[in-house]
């Protein structure tokens, strides 16, 4: 006999979702899971920049990525969303921002290095110490050196006359150099008039100059205070006869039968002119006449030469 096939029951497990899977989908949608990557739009002064971050990245990580993309140091970045600032670098980005949020970037001013009460920069917690031995003047030396200005009194007087250039401040075209020399002139005059200088005669001047005509000649070491700084200069030492000869040449080259006043001669070879254009002559007079005022010494020497010049003119 023919047997009937036994019907089989169709299972619908594959077509109908299970309760457990439906619960999982519901829980996932309710919790609002974040995407694997987030895009944060950074608005800066030059436009907009998209930065991709992980949800677990912190604000500090975001600042590092901004530094890589925009070349702005993290310390100078100020991030805000509306009126709210992202101040804490350890805060998680996903807890503060959403995908596609616009963040405003402001660049703050760079911080200066801390200074102490005297204005010296602190490096590694210590003051930047500057040694006086390493401190150099404009000439590149720890002291300014002024050698002999000529072999004879005529050459020295001519050198001063050329430096003077026909004016009280000389023919110096550079304004900075002129102001610098004017300031040194005032410092030297103030030190000489106030007797606030120290002069030492040097016996071996070979270390200060290599000029052949200056070897074997005496020099002076001068220390004085000017502009709140301790200054040191090395200047050639002119003896008494050389000083008289230089003043004689300067007075006679500047004096004529119509111009014989003391004032005009002082402009040519006075203390102000010597202090600015001939430090060797200025300090040599201070050294050779230690107990007298430098202004009085110049006036007396010039008056003597003016008297000699007038007497010679009368004899002619």
Protein backbone atom coordinates (compact mmCIF):
# COMPACT_ATOMS: atom_id res chain seq x y z
CA UNK A 1 0.00 0.00 0.00
CA UNK A 2 1.02 3.61 -0.73
CA UNK A 3 2.25 5.44 2.36
CA UNK A 4 1.53 9.14 2.80
CA UNK A 5 4.48 11.38 3.56
CA UNK A 6 4.39 12.85 7.00
CA UNK A 7 4.13 16.63 6.86
CA UNK A 8 7.01 18.61 8.33
CA UNK A 9 6.58 21.77 10.45
CA UNK A 10 8.12 24.87 8.94
CA UNK A 11 10.29 26.80 11.36
CA UNK A 12 10.19 30.58 11.21
CA UNK A 13 13.19 31.33 13.36
CA UNK A 14 15.09 32.68 10.41
CA UNK A 15 12.40 35.17 9.36
CA UNK A 16 11.12 36.45 12.71
CA UNK A 17 13.48 38.37 14.94
CA UNK A 18 14.08 36.99 18.37
CA UNK A 19 13.08 38.84 21.47
CA UNK A 20 16.62 39.06 22.74
CA UNK A 21 17.90 40.62 19.51
CA UNK A 22 15.04 43.12 19.50
CA UNK A 23 15.84 44.11 23.04
CA UNK A 24 19.46 44.63 22.12
CA UNK A 25 18.52 46.90 19.20
CA UNK A 26 16.20 48.88 21.39
CA UNK A 27 18.81 49.32 24.07
CA UNK A 28 21.39 50.41 21.48
CA UNK A 29 19.09 53.03 19.99
CA UNK A 30 18.03 54.28 23.38
CA UNK A 31 21.61 54.70 24.62
CA UNK A 32 22.55 56.87 21.56
CA UNK A 33 25.88 55.18 20.71
CA UNK A 34 28.49 57.48 19.21
CA UNK A 35 30.12 56.83 15.82
CA UNK A 36 33.62 55.41 15.56
CA UNK A 37 35.08 58.77 14.30
CA UNK A 38 34.01 62.35 14.94
CA UNK A 39 34.59 65.42 12.80
CA UNK A 40 35.05 68.70 14.63
CA UNK A 41 35.03 71.86 12.54
CA UNK A 42 37.55 74.44 13.74
CA UNK A 43 36.76 78.01 12.83
CA UNK A 44 39.91 80.18 12.81
CA UNK A 45 40.96 83.55 11.40
CA UNK A 46 41.74 82.15 7.93
CA UNK A 47 38.69 79.94 7.46
CA UNK A 48 37.40 76.53 8.56
CA UNK A 49 39.36 73.34 9.19
CA UNK A 50 37.94 69.84 9.72
CA UNK A 51 39.67 67.78 12.39
CA UNK A 52 38.95 64.07 12.81
CA UNK A 53 39.11 62.78 16.38
CA UNK A 54 38.26 59.60 18.22
CA UNK A 55 35.33 59.71 20.66
CA UNK A 56 37.68 58.92 23.54
CA UNK A 57 40.12 61.71 22.68
CA UNK A 58 40.48 64.54 25.16
CA UNK A 59 40.55 68.28 24.58
CA UNK A 60 44.32 68.13 24.94
CA UNK A 61 44.51 65.62 22.07
CA UNK A 62 42.31 67.92 19.99
CA UNK A 63 44.69 70.81 20.62
CA UNK A 64 47.66 68.69 19.54
CA UNK A 65 45.92 67.86 16.26
CA UNK A 66 45.13 71.54 15.75
CA UNK A 67 48.81 72.30 16.30
CA UNK A 68 49.75 69.73 13.66
CA UNK A 69 47.26 71.07 11.10
CA UNK A 70 47.41 74.84 11.74
CA UNK A 71 50.89 75.21 13.29
CA UNK A 72 49.51 76.98 16.38
CA UNK A 73 51.03 76.03 19.77
CA UNK A 74 48.61 74.39 22.16
CA UNK A 75 49.43 76.92 24.88
CA UNK A 76 48.15 79.74 22.65
CA UNK A 77 44.87 78.03 21.67
CA UNK A 78 41.57 79.10 23.22
CA UNK A 79 38.66 76.88 22.15
CA UNK A 80 35.05 77.93 22.65
CA UNK A 81 31.65 76.63 21.60
CA UNK A 82 29.30 79.59 21.68
CA UNK A 83 29.99 81.23 25.03
CA UNK A 84 31.34 78.07 26.64
CA UNK A 85 35.09 77.56 26.77
CA UNK A 86 36.86 74.21 26.55
CA UNK A 87 39.25 74.89 29.37
CA UNK A 88 39.94 71.40 30.78
CA UNK A 89 42.45 69.53 28.65
CA UNK A 90 41.50 66.23 30.28
CA UNK A 91 37.80 66.42 29.33
CA UNK A 92 36.59 63.82 26.78
CA UNK A 93 35.56 65.31 23.43
CA UNK A 94 32.49 63.07 22.99
CA UNK A 95 31.05 64.26 26.31
CA UNK A 96 31.27 67.91 25.23
CA UNK A 97 30.81 67.94 21.45
CA UNK A 98 28.75 66.22 18.80
CA UNK A 99 29.64 65.10 15.33
CA UNK A 100 30.15 68.19 13.15
CA UNK A 101 30.20 70.75 15.99
CA UNK A 102 31.78 74.11 15.14
CA UNK A 103 34.51 75.13 17.60
CA UNK A 104 35.87 78.69 17.57
CA UNK A 105 39.66 79.02 17.81
CA UNK A 106 41.25 82.16 19.20
CA UNK A 107 45.04 82.63 19.25
CA UNK A 108 46.31 84.27 22.43
CA UNK A 109 49.48 86.31 22.81
CA UNK A 110 52.72 84.51 23.58
CA UNK A 111 53.83 84.63 27.20
CA UNK A 112 57.08 86.43 27.98
CA UNK A 113 59.87 84.92 29.99
CA UNK A 114 59.66 85.77 33.69
CA UNK A 115 62.00 88.47 34.91
CA UNK A 116 63.21 89.31 38.36
CA UNK A 117 63.14 92.72 40.04
CA UNK A 118 66.30 93.83 38.22
CA UNK A 119 64.94 92.96 34.80
CA UNK A 120 67.18 89.92 34.23
CA UNK A 121 65.65 86.88 32.55
CA UNK A 122 65.37 83.71 34.58
CA UNK A 123 66.63 80.57 32.91
CA UNK A 124 65.95 77.20 34.55
CA UNK A 125 65.06 78.95 37.79
CA UNK A 126 68.34 80.86 37.96
CA UNK A 127 69.29 84.37 37.01
CA UNK A 128 71.10 84.84 33.74
CA UNK A 129 74.43 85.96 35.13
CA UNK A 130 76.51 88.22 32.93
CA UNK A 131 80.19 88.50 33.69
CA UNK A 132 81.85 91.85 33.41
CA UNK A 133 84.79 90.19 31.67
CA UNK A 134 82.53 89.02 28.84
CA UNK A 135 80.73 92.34 28.56
CA UNK A 136 81.88 94.04 25.37
CA UNK A 137 81.52 97.58 24.17
CA UNK A 138 80.66 98.73 20.65
CA UNK A 139 84.24 98.22 19.57
CA UNK A 140 83.99 94.49 20.35
CA UNK A 141 86.43 94.73 23.29
CA UNK A 142 85.76 94.77 27.05
CA UNK A 143 87.10 98.34 26.93
CA UNK A 144 87.47 101.10 24.35
CA UNK A 145 91.03 101.67 23.11
CA UNK A 146 92.17 105.07 21.78
CA UNK A 147 95.68 104.98 20.39
CA UNK A 148 98.00 107.72 19.25
CA UNK A 149 96.32 110.01 16.73
CA UNK A 150 99.51 110.92 14.92
CA UNK A 151 103.29 110.92 15.03
CA UNK A 152 103.55 114.66 15.64
CA UNK A 153 101.51 117.43 17.23
CA UNK A 154 100.57 118.69 13.76
CA UNK A 155 99.11 115.30 12.82
CA UNK A 156 97.21 115.01 16.12
CA UNK A 157 95.72 118.49 15.73
CA UNK A 158 94.83 117.75 12.10
CA UNK A 159 93.15 114.52 13.15
CA UNK A 160 91.02 116.38 15.70
CA UNK A 161 90.16 119.06 13.14
CA UNK A 162 89.09 116.44 10.58
CA UNK A 163 86.98 114.60 13.16
CA UNK A 164 85.36 117.87 14.20
CA UNK A 165 84.26 118.44 10.62
CA UNK A 166 83.45 122.10 11.01
CA UNK A 167 80.71 121.64 13.61
CA UNK A 168 80.32 121.19 17.35
CA UNK A 169 79.14 117.61 16.88
CA UNK A 170 81.40 116.79 13.95
CA UNK A 171 80.58 115.54 10.51
CA UNK A 172 78.99 112.28 11.73
CA UNK A 173 76.22 111.27 9.35
CA UNK A 174 74.99 108.29 11.38
CA UNK A 175 72.53 109.56 13.98
CA UNK A 176 73.06 106.57 16.26
CA UNK A 177 76.83 106.98 16.30
CA UNK A 178 76.51 110.72 16.90
CA UNK A 179 74.17 110.23 19.87
CA UNK A 180 76.48 107.54 21.28
CA UNK A 181 79.54 109.81 21.09
CA UNK A 182 77.62 112.75 22.54
CA UNK A 183 76.57 110.61 25.51
CA UNK A 184 80.18 109.48 26.07
CA UNK A 185 81.30 113.11 25.93
CA UNK A 186 78.86 114.06 28.69
CA UNK A 187 79.91 111.05 30.80
CA UNK A 188 83.59 111.95 30.50
CA UNK A 189 82.99 115.61 31.33
CA UNK A 190 80.82 114.71 34.32
CA UNK A 191 83.44 112.28 35.62
CA UNK A 192 86.26 114.81 35.18
CA UNK A 193 84.37 117.72 36.74
CA UNK A 194 83.17 115.60 39.66
CA UNK A 195 86.56 113.92 40.14
CA UNK A 196 84.85 110.54 39.81
CA UNK A 197 87.41 108.69 37.75
CA UNK A 198 90.52 106.61 38.29
CA UNK A 199 93.57 106.85 36.04
CA UNK A 200 96.42 104.33 36.05
CA UNK A 201 99.53 104.71 33.92
CA UNK A 202 100.34 101.55 31.97
CA UNK A 203 103.94 100.47 31.49
CA UNK A 204 103.40 97.79 28.82
CA UNK A 205 100.94 98.96 26.16
CA UNK A 206 101.78 96.23 23.62
CA UNK A 207 98.64 94.24 24.43
CA UNK A 208 96.35 97.15 23.52
CA UNK A 209 97.50 98.02 20.02
CA UNK A 210 99.50 96.48 17.20
CA UNK A 211 100.34 99.71 15.40
CA UNK A 212 104.09 99.99 14.93
CA UNK A 213 104.26 103.70 15.73
CA UNK A 214 102.43 103.16 19.05
CA UNK A 215 104.75 100.53 20.47
CA UNK A 216 106.84 101.66 23.38
CA UNK A 217 104.62 104.68 24.10
CA UNK A 218 102.75 105.07 27.34
CA UNK A 219 99.05 104.56 27.81
CA UNK A 220 96.45 105.34 30.44
CA UNK A 221 93.83 103.05 31.93
CA UNK A 222 90.72 105.08 32.86
CA UNK A 223 87.77 103.83 34.89
CA UNK A 224 84.69 105.97 35.39
CA UNK A 225 80.93 105.67 35.74
CA UNK A 226 78.59 106.91 33.02
CA UNK A 227 75.01 106.09 32.18
CA UNK A 228 74.73 103.86 35.28
CA UNK A 229 77.50 101.69 33.89
CA UNK A 230 81.08 101.16 34.94
CA UNK A 231 83.22 102.06 31.93
CA UNK A 232 86.88 101.42 31.17
CA UNK A 233 88.98 103.03 28.47
CA UNK A 234 92.57 102.74 27.33
CA UNK A 235 93.97 105.98 25.91
CA UNK A 236 97.38 107.13 24.71
CA UNK A 237 99.28 109.30 27.18
CA UNK A 238 100.45 112.66 25.80
CA UNK A 239 103.15 114.38 27.85
CA UNK A 240 103.08 118.06 28.76
CA UNK A 241 105.05 119.20 25.71
CA UNK A 242 102.82 117.24 23.32
CA UNK A 243 99.69 118.74 24.89
CA UNK A 244 101.04 122.28 24.47
CA UNK A 245 102.06 121.60 20.88
CA UNK A 246 98.64 120.14 19.97
CA UNK A 247 96.81 123.13 21.46
CA UNK A 248 99.20 125.52 19.73
CA UNK A 249 98.56 123.93 16.33
CA UNK A 250 94.80 123.83 16.90
CA UNK A 251 94.62 127.46 18.03
CA UNK A 252 96.80 128.78 15.21
CA UNK A 253 94.91 126.82 12.54
CA UNK A 254 91.60 128.16 13.85
CA UNK A 255 92.66 131.73 14.73
CA UNK A 256 93.05 134.65 12.35
CA UNK A 257 93.66 138.39 12.90
CA UNK A 258 89.88 138.85 12.81
CA UNK A 259 89.02 135.82 14.93
CA UNK A 260 90.95 135.85 18.18
CA UNK A 261 88.24 135.22 20.78
CA UNK A 262 88.56 132.57 23.47
CA UNK A 263 85.13 131.15 22.66
CA UNK A 264 85.99 130.30 19.07
CA UNK A 265 89.22 128.61 20.16
CA UNK A 266 87.39 126.58 22.80
CA UNK A 267 85.09 125.28 20.09
CA UNK A 268 88.14 124.12 18.15
CA UNK A 269 90.10 122.48 20.98
CA UNK A 270 88.04 122.90 24.18
CA UNK A 271 87.17 120.21 26.75
CA UNK A 272 83.91 119.30 25.02
CA UNK A 273 85.67 118.83 21.68
CA UNK A 274 88.48 116.78 23.22
CA UNK A 275 86.09 114.64 25.27
CA UNK A 276 84.14 113.72 22.13
CA UNK A 277 86.79 113.55 19.40
CA UNK A 278 90.12 113.09 21.21
CA UNK A 279 89.86 111.04 24.44
CA UNK A 280 93.68 110.69 24.63
CA UNK A 281 94.10 114.47 24.79
CA UNK A 282 91.22 114.84 27.27
CA UNK A 283 92.44 112.16 29.69
CA UNK A 284 96.08 113.20 29.31
CA UNK A 285 95.19 116.70 30.52
CA UNK A 286 93.26 115.20 33.44
CA UNK A 287 96.32 113.09 34.27
CA UNK A 288 98.94 115.85 33.86
CA UNK A 289 96.89 118.44 35.81
CA UNK A 290 95.28 116.31 38.55
CA UNK A 291 94.48 119.10 41.00
CA UNK A 292 92.82 121.50 38.53
CA UNK A 293 89.49 121.68 36.77
CA UNK A 294 89.72 120.51 33.18
CA UNK A 295 87.80 123.54 31.88
CA UNK A 296 90.19 125.93 33.58
CA UNK A 297 93.21 124.08 32.19
CA UNK A 298 91.95 124.35 28.62
CA UNK A 299 91.12 128.04 29.01
CA UNK A 300 94.56 128.88 30.49
CA UNK A 301 96.47 126.98 27.79
CA UNK A 302 94.39 128.52 24.99
CA UNK A 303 94.78 132.04 26.39
CA UNK A 304 98.55 131.55 26.51
CA UNK A 305 98.65 130.53 22.86
CA UNK A 306 96.30 133.37 21.89
CA UNK A 307 98.62 135.84 23.61
CA UNK A 308 101.63 134.46 21.80
CA UNK A 309 99.80 134.61 18.49
CA UNK A 310 98.71 138.24 18.98
CA UNK A 311 102.23 139.29 19.97
CA UNK A 312 103.61 137.70 16.84
CA UNK A 313 101.04 139.49 14.74
CA UNK A 314 101.97 142.84 16.29
CA UNK A 315 105.67 142.27 15.59
CA UNK A 316 104.84 141.63 11.94
